[in-house]
Amino acid sequence: MIEPVLSDDAFLADVRRAAGDPSAVHLWWLGQSGYLVQWRGKHLLVDPYLSDSLTKKYAGTDKPHVRMTRQVIDPARLDFIDLVTSSHAHTDHLDPDTLRPLFAVNPSLRLLAPEANRALSAERAGINPQAVLGIDEGQSVEAAGFSITAVASAHEAIERDEAGHSKHLGYVFRMGRLSLYHSGDTVRYAGMAGRLRELDVGAAILPINGALPERRVPGNLSGPEAARLAKDIGARVVIPCHYEMFEFNTASPKPFVEECRRLGQLFVVPRAGERWTLSS
């Protein structure tokens, strides 16, 4: 079992320490695709998976979800969260066992999710569907001090509901002069890089567990593909995610690192529970 750099009390103490530097944006990787973002005293959770719901669900089946990294923090201890976002409806990005404890300890918490998933998001969180802040590709909203623009993601393909709303989204978060793109699960599709270049991405968080020559895991970028997409969109720095959570669905960051170095693309490879700071 991989131990987080910081967890439990030590993790919370680091979040409190970081609050003393309000000019910067602080990020903590929570495992899988989950991140905690702190800016100007506000706290954003992106695609948090802070439970063992999938391990329990698939125990004894032919698809065991064996956890690789110990949980960073109990969501019931995160009583300072202002906004939580979900990129799509898969449980490791929209987890009821994470969302319900969060809403129990954060009475003013807002949930941002694809409009296509509004009803399911509300059900998973245990809240009224009207309380979900629905968004679709190309739209921008302001929530909890963050400016957020939605970009379509292709979880193998771009999918839409009957009303034409995208089921999978990435988000560009703007925080003063800084911007952060979190793709959710995606592969590259025609026009994606151009759209993201227009949005002037500073840091990009991209999955790396996708299609590798030696095995086929659909729906996500591989490490080298993530490095090339970051370079093509002009991201100042790229950060990998979606690895070291489940044994059946992970990837080594090494091919990602090698391609970043070949391209001259600045990168950071985080460890669970570790803080990284963006500064203008």
C-alpha atoms as a PDB file:
ATOM      1  CA  MET A   1       0.000   0.000   0.000  1.00  0.00           C
ATOM      2  CA  ILE A   2       1.362   3.417  -1.003  1.00  0.00           C
ATOM      3  CA  GLU A   3       1.350   5.874   1.890  1.00  0.00           C
ATOM      4  CA  PRO A   4       0.368   9.499   1.123  1.00  0.00           C
ATOM      5  CA  VAL A   5       2.982  12.160   1.755  1.00  0.00           C
ATOM      6  CA  LEU A   6       0.503  13.787   4.141  1.00  0.00           C
ATOM      7  CA  SER A   7      -2.745  12.355   5.465  1.00  0.00           C
ATOM      8  CA  ASP A   8      -5.307  12.879   8.210  1.00  0.00           C
ATOM      9  CA  ASP A   9      -4.147  15.437  10.830  1.00  0.00           C
ATOM     10  CA  ALA A  10      -0.909  16.249   8.999  1.00  0.00           C
ATOM     11  CA  PHE A  11      -2.810  16.884   5.772  1.00  0.00           C
ATOM     12  CA  LEU A  12      -5.274  19.236   7.481  1.00  0.00           C
ATOM     13  CA  ALA A  13      -2.420  21.077   9.188  1.00  0.00           C
ATOM     14  CA  ASP A  14      -0.771  21.658   5.795  1.00  0.00           C
ATOM     15  CA  VAL A  15      -4.024  23.040   4.367  1.00  0.00           C
ATOM     16  CA  ARG A  16      -4.180  25.479   7.284  1.00  0.00           C
ATOM     17  CA  ARG A  17      -0.539  26.511   6.776  1.00  0.00           C
ATOM     18  CA  ALA A  18      -1.087  27.159   3.095  1.00  0.00           C
ATOM     19  CA  ALA A  19      -3.909  29.579   3.905  1.00  0.00           C
ATOM     20  CA  GLY A  20      -1.240  32.028   5.083  1.00  0.00           C
ATOM     21  CA  ASP A  21      -0.281  32.652   1.434  1.00  0.00           C
ATOM     22  CA  PRO A  22      -3.473  33.975  -0.159  1.00  0.00           C
ATOM     23  CA  SER A  23      -1.719  35.249  -3.311  1.00  0.00           C
ATOM     24  CA  ALA A  24      -1.039  31.736  -4.618  1.00  0.00           C
ATOM     25  CA  VAL A  25      -3.132  28.778  -5.696  1.00  0.00           C
ATOM     26  CA  HIS A  26      -2.387  25.621  -3.709  1.00  0.00           C
ATOM     27  CA  LEU A  27      -3.139  22.112  -4.997  1.00  0.00           C
ATOM     28  CA  TRP A  28      -3.180  18.768  -3.194  1.00  0.00           C
ATOM     29  CA  TRP A  29      -3.561  15.504  -5.095  1.00  0.00           C
ATOM     30  CA  LEU A  30      -6.120  13.305  -3.333  1.00  0.00           C
ATOM     31  CA  GLY A  31      -5.577  10.270  -5.545  1.00  0.00           C
ATOM     32  CA  GLN A  32      -7.156   9.118  -8.839  1.00  0.00           C
ATOM     33  CA  SER A  33      -8.407  12.370 -10.458  1.00  0.00           C
ATOM     34  CA  GLY A  34      -9.208  14.177  -7.219  1.00  0.00           C
ATOM     35  CA  TYR A  35      -7.666  17.512  -6.252  1.00  0.00           C
ATOM     36  CA  LEU A  36      -8.170  20.017  -3.477  1.00  0.00           C
ATOM     37  CA  VAL A  37      -7.637  23.615  -4.655  1.00  0.00           C
ATOM     38  CA  GLN A  38      -7.188  26.513  -2.241  1.00  0.00           C
ATOM     39  CA  TRP A  39      -7.310  30.151  -3.308  1.00  0.00           C
ATOM     40  CA  ARG A  40      -8.003  33.298  -1.298  1.00  0.00           C
ATOM     41  CA  GLY A  41      -9.486  31.333   1.556  1.00  0.00           C
ATOM     42  CA  LYS A  42     -11.836  29.360  -0.710  1.00  0.00           C
ATOM     43  CA  HIS A  43     -11.641  25.606  -1.186  1.00  0.00           C
ATOM     44  CA  LEU A  44     -12.585  23.629  -4.275  1.00  0.00           C
ATOM     45  CA  LEU A  45     -12.725  19.846  -4.616  1.00  0.00           C
ATOM     46  CA  VAL A  46     -12.397  18.489  -8.156  1.00  0.00           C
ATOM     47  CA  ASP A  47     -13.587  14.913  -8.832  1.00  0.00           C
ATOM     48  CA  PRO A  48     -12.888  13.687  -5.288  1.00  0.00           C
ATOM     49  CA  TYR A  49     -12.902   9.948  -4.578  1.00  0.00           C
ATOM     50  CA  LEU A  50     -12.356   9.617  -0.830  1.00  0.00           C
ATOM     51  CA  SER A  51     -13.871   6.265   0.073  1.00  0.00           C
ATOM     52  CA  ASP A  52     -13.626   2.550  -0.602  1.00  0.00           C
ATOM     53  CA  SER A  53     -17.012   2.337  -2.308  1.00  0.00           C
ATOM     54  CA  LEU A  54     -15.668   0.760  -5.498  1.00  0.00           C
ATOM     55  CA  THR A  55     -13.457  -1.703  -3.634  1.00  0.00           C
ATOM     56  CA  LYS A  56     -16.514  -2.853  -1.675  1.00  0.00           C
ATOM     57  CA  LYS A  57     -18.780  -2.890  -4.729  1.00  0.00           C
ATOM     58  CA  TYR A  58     -16.493  -5.121  -6.787  1.00  0.00           C
ATOM     59  CA  ALA A  59     -15.151  -7.366  -4.028  1.00  0.00           C
ATOM     60  CA  GLY A  60     -15.438 -11.009  -5.032  1.00  0.00           C
ATOM     61  CA  THR A  61     -16.110 -10.209  -8.706  1.00  0.00           C
ATOM     62  CA  ASP A  62     -13.968 -10.591 -11.810  1.00  0.00           C
ATOM     63  CA  LYS A  63     -13.261  -6.834 -11.663  1.00  0.00           C
ATOM     64  CA  PRO A  64     -11.705  -6.316  -8.220  1.00  0.00           C
ATOM     65  CA  HIS A  65     -10.852  -2.687  -7.460  1.00  0.00           C
ATOM     66  CA  VAL A  66      -7.821  -3.290  -5.251  1.00  0.00           C
ATOM     67  CA  ARG A  67      -6.713   0.024  -3.741  1.00  0.00           C
ATOM     68  CA  MET A  68      -3.041   0.924  -4.196  1.00  0.00           C
ATOM     69  CA  THR A  69      -2.811   4.167  -2.193  1.00  0.00           C
ATOM     70  CA  ARG A  70      -4.174   4.698   1.297  1.00  0.00           C
ATOM     71  CA  GLN A  71      -6.965   7.267   1.583  1.00  0.00           C
ATOM     72  CA  VAL A  72      -5.624  10.763   2.217  1.00  0.00           C
ATOM     73  CA  ILE A  73      -8.472  12.059   4.371  1.00  0.00           C
ATOM     74  CA  ASP A  74     -11.962  11.158   5.556  1.00  0.00           C
ATOM     75  CA  PRO A  75     -14.358  13.480   3.657  1.00  0.00           C
ATOM     76  CA  ALA A  76     -16.284  14.067   6.886  1.00  0.00           C
ATOM     77  CA  ARG A  77     -13.239  15.997   8.151  1.00  0.00           C
ATOM     78  CA  LEU A  78     -13.300  18.439   5.231  1.00  0.00           C
ATOM     79  CA  ASP A  79     -15.706  20.914   6.803  1.00  0.00           C
ATOM     80  CA  PHE A  80     -14.343  23.963   4.934  1.00  0.00           C
ATOM     81  CA  ILE A  81     -15.219  23.150   1.313  1.00  0.00           C
ATOM     82  CA  ASP A  82     -17.048  25.781  -0.763  1.00  0.00           C
ATOM     83  CA  LEU A  83     -17.459  24.010  -4.113  1.00  0.00           C
ATOM     84  CA  VAL A  84     -17.181  20.443  -5.391  1.00  0.00           C
ATOM     85  CA  THR A  85     -17.173  19.539  -9.074  1.00  0.00           C
ATOM     86  CA  SER A  86     -17.769  16.339 -11.019  1.00  0.00           C
ATOM     87  CA  SER A  87     -16.627  15.836 -14.592  1.00  0.00           C
ATOM     88  CA  HIS A  88     -18.860  12.838 -15.327  1.00  0.00           C
ATOM     89  CA  ALA A  89     -20.949  10.124 -13.721  1.00  0.00           C
ATOM     90  CA  HIS A  90     -18.441   7.323 -13.099  1.00  0.00           C
ATOM     91  CA  THR A  91     -18.217   6.622  -9.383  1.00  0.00           C
ATOM     92  CA  ASP A  92     -14.530   7.524  -9.042  1.00  0.00           C
ATOM     93  CA  HIS A  93     -15.570  11.022 -10.206  1.00  0.00           C
ATOM     94  CA  LEU A  94     -19.049  11.190  -8.614  1.00  0.00           C
ATOM     95  CA  ASP A  95     -18.910   9.122  -5.451  1.00  0.00           C
ATOM     96  CA  PRO A  96     -21.888   9.089  -3.054  1.00  0.00           C
ATOM     97  CA  ASP A  97     -19.701   7.884  -0.188  1.00  0.00           C
ATOM     98  CA  THR A  98     -17.584  11.020  -0.668  1.00  0.00           C
ATOM     99  CA  LEU A  99     -20.297  13.532  -1.530  1.00  0.00           C
ATOM    100  CA  ARG A 100     -22.805  12.751   1.218  1.00  0.00           C
ATOM    101  CA  PRO A 101     -20.321  13.206   4.105  1.00  0.00           C
ATOM    102  CA  LEU A 102     -19.130  16.438   2.468  1.00  0.00           C
ATOM    103  CA  PHE A 103     -22.634  17.871   2.296  1.00  0.00           C
ATOM    104  CA  ALA A 104     -23.303  16.785   5.873  1.00  0.00           C
ATOM    105  CA  VAL A 105     -20.455  18.962   7.216  1.00  0.00           C
ATOM    106  CA  ASN A 106     -20.667  21.843   4.680  1.00  0.00           C
ATOM    107  CA  PRO A 107     -24.195  23.318   4.766  1.00  0.00           C
ATOM    108  CA  SER A 108     -23.407  25.902   2.068  1.00  0.00           C
ATOM    109  CA  LEU A 109     -21.563  23.544  -0.274  1.00  0.00           C
ATOM    110  CA  ARG A 110     -22.328  23.836  -4.008  1.00  0.00           C
ATOM    111  CA  LEU A 111     -22.026  20.983  -6.515  1.00  0.00           C
ATOM    112  CA  LEU A 112     -21.128  21.723 -10.138  1.00  0.00           C
ATOM    113  CA  ALA A 113     -21.772  18.911 -12.638  1.00  0.00           C
ATOM    114  CA  PRO A 114     -22.679  18.395 -16.299  1.00  0.00           C
ATOM    115  CA  GLU A 115     -26.286  19.383 -16.953  1.00  0.00           C
ATOM    116  CA  ALA A 116     -26.728  15.948 -18.504  1.00  0.00           C
ATOM    117  CA  ASN A 117     -25.969  14.386 -15.112  1.00  0.00           C
ATOM    118  CA  ARG A 118     -27.946  16.785 -12.898  1.00  0.00           C
ATOM    119  CA  ALA A 119     -30.468  14.248 -11.585  1.00  0.00           C
ATOM    120  CA  LEU A 120     -27.894  11.529 -10.941  1.00  0.00           C
ATOM    121  CA  SER A 121     -25.497  14.013  -9.310  1.00  0.00           C
ATOM    122  CA  ALA A 122     -28.224  15.148  -6.933  1.00  0.00           C
ATOM    123  CA  GLU A 123     -29.132  11.554  -6.109  1.00  0.00           C
ATOM    124  CA  ARG A 124     -25.512  10.629  -5.355  1.00  0.00           C
ATOM    125  CA  ALA A 125     -25.037  13.733  -3.181  1.00  0.00           C
ATOM    126  CA  GLY A 126     -28.387  13.369  -1.427  1.00  0.00           C
ATOM    127  CA  ILE A 127     -29.557  16.856  -2.400  1.00  0.00           C
ATOM    128  CA  ASN A 128     -32.353  18.427  -4.460  1.00  0.00           C
ATOM    129  CA  PRO A 129     -31.634  18.467  -8.219  1.00  0.00           C
ATOM    130  CA  GLN A 130     -32.311  22.210  -8.246  1.00  0.00           C
ATOM    131  CA  ALA A 131     -29.384  22.650  -5.869  1.00  0.00           C
ATOM    132  CA  VAL A 132     -26.968  21.244  -8.472  1.00  0.00           C
ATOM    133  CA  LEU A 133     -25.245  23.866 -10.583  1.00  0.00           C
ATOM    134  CA  GLY A 134     -25.583  22.337 -14.050  1.00  0.00           C
ATOM    135  CA  ILE A 135     -23.242  23.367 -16.853  1.00  0.00           C
ATOM    136  CA  ASP A 136     -22.685  22.406 -20.481  1.00  0.00           C
ATOM    137  CA  GLU A 137     -19.765  22.732 -22.881  1.00  0.00           C
ATOM    138  CA  GLY A 138     -18.938  26.313 -23.822  1.00  0.00           C
ATOM    139  CA  GLN A 139     -20.741  27.745 -20.809  1.00  0.00           C
ATOM    140  CA  SER A 140     -19.095  29.716 -18.011  1.00  0.00           C
ATOM    141  CA  VAL A 141     -20.277  30.248 -14.444  1.00  0.00           C
ATOM    142  CA  GLU A 142     -19.066  31.973 -11.289  1.00  0.00           C
ATOM    143  CA  ALA A 143     -19.205  29.917  -8.103  1.00  0.00           C
ATOM    144  CA  ALA A 144     -17.530  30.325  -4.706  1.00  0.00           C
ATOM    145  CA  GLY A 145     -15.149  32.924  -6.136  1.00  0.00           C
ATOM    146  CA  PHE A 146     -14.008  30.701  -9.020  1.00  0.00           C
ATOM    147  CA  SER A 147     -14.721  31.425 -12.681  1.00  0.00           C
ATOM    148  CA  ILE A 148     -15.341  28.133 -14.499  1.00  0.00           C
ATOM    149  CA  THR A 149     -15.619  27.346 -18.197  1.00  0.00           C
ATOM    150  CA  ALA A 150     -16.724  23.894 -19.381  1.00  0.00           C
ATOM    151  CA  VAL A 151     -15.012  22.100 -22.271  1.00  0.00           C
ATOM    152  CA  ALA A 152     -16.307  18.855 -23.765  1.00  0.00           C
ATOM    153  CA  SER A 153     -14.346  15.712 -22.944  1.00  0.00           C
ATOM    154  CA  ALA A 154     -14.391  12.487 -24.922  1.00  0.00           C
ATOM    155  CA  HIS A 155     -14.487   9.478 -22.610  1.00  0.00           C
ATOM    156  CA  GLU A 156     -13.606   7.412 -25.663  1.00  0.00           C
ATOM    157  CA  ALA A 157     -16.143   9.531 -27.603  1.00  0.00           C
ATOM    158  CA  ILE A 158     -18.114  12.717 -27.038  1.00  0.00           C
ATOM    159  CA  GLU A 159     -21.498  11.606 -25.716  1.00  0.00           C
ATOM    160  CA  ARG A 160     -24.646  13.687 -25.320  1.00  0.00           C
ATOM    161  CA  ASP A 161     -28.033  13.174 -23.714  1.00  0.00           C
ATOM    162  CA  GLU A 162     -31.335  13.490 -25.589  1.00  0.00           C
ATOM    163  CA  ALA A 163     -31.274  17.250 -25.096  1.00  0.00           C
ATOM    164  CA  GLY A 164     -27.777  17.532 -26.592  1.00  0.00           C
ATOM    165  CA  HIS A 165     -25.926  18.164 -23.317  1.00  0.00           C
ATOM    166  CA  SER A 166     -22.415  16.744 -22.991  1.00  0.00           C
ATOM    167  CA  LYS A 167     -22.128  13.867 -20.527  1.00  0.00           C
ATOM    168  CA  HIS A 168     -18.374  14.335 -19.974  1.00  0.00           C
ATOM    169  CA  LEU A 169     -16.778  17.707 -19.283  1.00  0.00           C
ATOM    170  CA  GLY A 170     -13.458  19.223 -18.404  1.00  0.00           C
ATOM    171  CA  TYR A 171     -13.255  22.529 -16.560  1.00  0.00           C
ATOM    172  CA  VAL A 172     -10.990  25.563 -16.832  1.00  0.00           C
ATOM    173  CA  PHE A 173     -10.872  27.288 -13.449  1.00  0.00           C
ATOM    174  CA  ARG A 174      -9.748  30.932 -13.374  1.00  0.00           C
ATOM    175  CA  MET A 175      -8.311  32.363 -10.180  1.00  0.00           C
ATOM    176  CA  GLY A 176      -7.122  35.916 -10.751  1.00  0.00           C
ATOM    177  CA  ARG A 177      -4.291  35.696 -13.288  1.00  0.00           C
ATOM    178  CA  LEU A 178      -3.969  31.936 -12.872  1.00  0.00           C
ATOM    179  CA  SER A 179      -5.881  29.231 -14.718  1.00  0.00           C
ATOM    180  CA  LEU A 180      -6.160  25.482 -14.172  1.00  0.00           C
ATOM    181  CA  TYR A 181      -7.625  22.953 -16.605  1.00  0.00           C
ATOM    182  CA  HIS A 182      -8.881  19.623 -15.291  1.00  0.00           C
ATOM    183  CA  SER A 183      -9.934  17.384 -18.171  1.00  0.00           C
ATOM    184  CA  GLY A 184     -11.729  14.635 -16.290  1.00  0.00           C
ATOM    185  CA  ASP A 185     -11.489  11.391 -18.257  1.00  0.00           C
ATOM    186  CA  THR A 186     -10.782  12.060 -21.917  1.00  0.00           C
ATOM    187  CA  VAL A 187      -9.015  11.135 -25.092  1.00  0.00           C
ATOM    188  CA  ARG A 188      -7.997  13.743 -27.616  1.00  0.00           C
ATOM    189  CA  TYR A 189     -10.534  14.706 -30.276  1.00  0.00           C
ATOM    190  CA  ALA A 190     -10.602  17.003 -33.294  1.00  0.00           C
ATOM    191  CA  GLY A 191     -10.644  20.671 -32.286  1.00  0.00           C
ATOM    192  CA  MET A 192      -9.851  20.027 -28.631  1.00  0.00           C
ATOM    193  CA  ALA A 193      -6.373  21.578 -28.630  1.00  0.00           C
ATOM    194  CA  GLY A 194      -7.531  24.688 -30.465  1.00  0.00           C
ATOM    195  CA  ARG A 195     -10.388  25.274 -28.049  1.00  0.00           C
ATOM    196  CA  LEU A 196      -8.069  24.952 -25.064  1.00  0.00           C
ATOM    197  CA  ARG A 197      -5.446  27.249 -26.604  1.00  0.00           C
ATOM    198  CA  GLU A 198      -8.141  29.927 -26.805  1.00  0.00           C
ATOM    199  CA  LEU A 199      -8.735  29.540 -23.054  1.00  0.00           C
ATOM    200  CA  ASP A 200      -5.058  30.236 -22.203  1.00  0.00           C
ATOM    201  CA  VAL A 201      -4.442  27.301 -19.869  1.00  0.00           C
ATOM    202  CA  GLY A 202      -1.748  27.809 -17.257  1.00  0.00           C
ATOM    203  CA  ALA A 203      -1.670  24.376 -15.630  1.00  0.00           C
ATOM    204  CA  ALA A 204      -3.295  21.251 -17.070  1.00  0.00           C
ATOM    205  CA  ILE A 205      -4.273  18.150 -15.085  1.00  0.00           C
ATOM    206  CA  LEU A 206      -4.571  15.214 -17.488  1.00  0.00           C
ATOM    207  CA  PRO A 207      -5.064  11.436 -17.114  1.00  0.00           C
ATOM    208  CA  ILE A 208      -2.229   9.110 -18.117  1.00  0.00           C
ATOM    209  CA  ASN A 209      -3.722   5.611 -17.753  1.00  0.00           C
ATOM    210  CA  GLY A 210      -5.131   5.257 -21.244  1.00  0.00           C
ATOM    211  CA  ALA A 211      -4.257   3.396 -24.407  1.00  0.00           C
ATOM    212  CA  LEU A 212      -0.752   1.979 -24.199  1.00  0.00           C
ATOM    213  CA  PRO A 213       0.742  -0.364 -26.810  1.00  0.00           C
ATOM    214  CA  GLU A 214       0.961  -3.243 -24.340  1.00  0.00           C
ATOM    215  CA  ARG A 215      -2.643  -2.997 -23.095  1.00  0.00           C
ATOM    216  CA  ARG A 216      -5.900  -1.302 -24.025  1.00  0.00           C
ATOM    217  CA  VAL A 217      -7.641   0.818 -21.412  1.00  0.00           C
ATOM    218  CA  PRO A 218     -10.267   2.890 -23.242  1.00  0.00           C
ATOM    219  CA  GLY A 219     -11.402   6.385 -22.481  1.00  0.00           C
ATOM    220  CA  ASN A 220      -8.237   8.168 -21.396  1.00  0.00           C
ATOM    221  CA  LEU A 221      -5.014   9.655 -22.654  1.00  0.00           C
ATOM    222  CA  SER A 222      -1.819   7.683 -22.254  1.00  0.00           C
ATOM    223  CA  GLY A 223       1.147   9.397 -20.617  1.00  0.00           C
ATOM    224  CA  PRO A 224       2.803  10.415 -23.904  1.00  0.00           C
ATOM    225  CA  GLU A 225      -0.548  11.578 -25.298  1.00  0.00           C
ATOM    226  CA  ALA A 226      -1.097  13.739 -22.205  1.00  0.00           C
ATOM    227  CA  ALA A 227       2.350  15.300 -22.612  1.00  0.00           C
ATOM    228  CA  ARG A 228       1.706  16.088 -26.282  1.00  0.00           C
ATOM    229  CA  LEU A 229      -1.744  17.557 -25.602  1.00  0.00           C
ATOM    230  CA  ALA A 230      -0.309  19.813 -22.891  1.00  0.00           C
ATOM    231  CA  LYS A 231       2.363  21.030 -25.304  1.00  0.00           C
ATOM    232  CA  ASP A 232      -0.158  21.643 -28.074  1.00  0.00           C
ATOM    233  CA  ILE A 233      -2.514  23.692 -25.900  1.00  0.00           C
ATOM    234  CA  GLY A 234       0.334  25.833 -24.582  1.00  0.00           C
ATOM    235  CA  ALA A 235       0.005  24.766 -20.943  1.00  0.00           C
ATOM    236  CA  ARG A 236       2.822  26.220 -18.835  1.00  0.00           C
ATOM    237  CA  VAL A 237       2.894  23.051 -16.729  1.00  0.00           C
ATOM    238  CA  VAL A 238       1.179  19.648 -16.922  1.00  0.00           C
ATOM    239  CA  ILE A 239       0.256  17.405 -14.003  1.00  0.00           C
ATOM    240  CA  PRO A 240      -0.715  13.733 -14.428  1.00  0.00           C
ATOM    241  CA  CYS A 241      -3.595  11.984 -12.678  1.00  0.00           C
ATOM    242  CA  HIS A 242      -5.615   8.752 -12.763  1.00  0.00           C
ATOM    243  CA  TYR A 243      -2.892   6.360 -11.607  1.00  0.00           C
ATOM    244  CA  GLU A 244      -1.856   4.566  -8.390  1.00  0.00           C
ATOM    245  CA  MET A 245      -5.438   4.099  -7.175  1.00  0.00           C
ATOM    246  CA  PHE A 246      -6.561   0.687  -8.475  1.00  0.00           C
ATOM    247  CA  GLU A 247      -4.252  -2.150  -9.459  1.00  0.00           C
ATOM    248  CA  PHE A 248      -6.217  -3.030 -12.603  1.00  0.00           C
ATOM    249  CA  ASN A 249      -6.369   0.557 -13.902  1.00  0.00           C
ATOM    250  CA  THR A 250      -3.101   2.397 -13.410  1.00  0.00           C
ATOM    251  CA  ALA A 251       0.024   3.394 -15.304  1.00  0.00           C
ATOM    252  CA  SER A 252       3.600   4.326 -14.599  1.00  0.00           C
ATOM    253  CA  PRO A 253       4.303   8.075 -14.939  1.00  0.00           C
ATOM    254  CA  LYS A 254       7.630   7.213 -16.626  1.00  0.00           C
ATOM    255  CA  PRO A 255       6.409   7.379 -20.278  1.00  0.00           C
ATOM    256  CA  PHE A 256       4.684  10.686 -19.462  1.00  0.00           C
ATOM    257  CA  VAL A 257       7.877  12.109 -17.947  1.00  0.00           C
ATOM    258  CA  GLU A 258      10.022  10.923 -20.856  1.00  0.00           C
ATOM    259  CA  GLU A 259       7.729  12.530 -23.435  1.00  0.00           C
ATOM    260  CA  CYS A 260       7.517  15.797 -21.475  1.00  0.00           C
ATOM    261  CA  ARG A 261      11.311  15.953 -21.391  1.00  0.00           C
ATOM    262  CA  ARG A 262      11.553  15.190 -25.105  1.00  0.00           C
ATOM    263  CA  LEU A 263       9.092  17.997 -25.880  1.00  0.00           C
ATOM    264  CA  GLY A 264      10.532  20.493 -23.401  1.00  0.00           C
ATOM    265  CA  GLN A 265       7.179  20.566 -21.594  1.00  0.00           C
ATOM    266  CA  LEU A 266       7.331  21.604 -17.936  1.00  0.00           C
ATOM    267  CA  PHE A 267       5.700  19.008 -15.691  1.00  0.00           C
ATOM    268  CA  VAL A 268       5.116  18.030 -12.079  1.00  0.00           C
ATOM    269  CA  VAL A 269       4.480  14.468 -10.917  1.00  0.00           C
ATOM    270  CA  PRO A 270       2.610  14.708  -7.603  1.00  0.00           C
ATOM    271  CA  ARG A 271       2.328  12.217  -4.795  1.00  0.00           C
ATOM    272  CA  ALA A 272      -0.909  11.675  -2.909  1.00  0.00           C
ATOM    273  CA  GLY A 273      -1.358  14.192  -0.107  1.00  0.00           C
ATOM    274  CA  GLU A 274       1.420  16.418  -1.424  1.00  0.00           C
ATOM    275  CA  ARG A 275       0.987  20.172  -1.885  1.00  0.00           C
ATOM    276  CA  TRP A 276       2.018  21.987  -5.023  1.00  0.00           C
ATOM    277  CA  THR A 277       1.747  25.768  -5.439  1.00  0.00           C
ATOM    278  CA  LEU A 278       0.943  27.811  -8.531  1.00  0.00           C
ATOM    279  CA  SER A 279       2.111  31.403  -8.459  1.00  0.00           C
ATOM    280  CA  SER A 280       1.690  34.154 -11.023  1.00  0.00           C
END
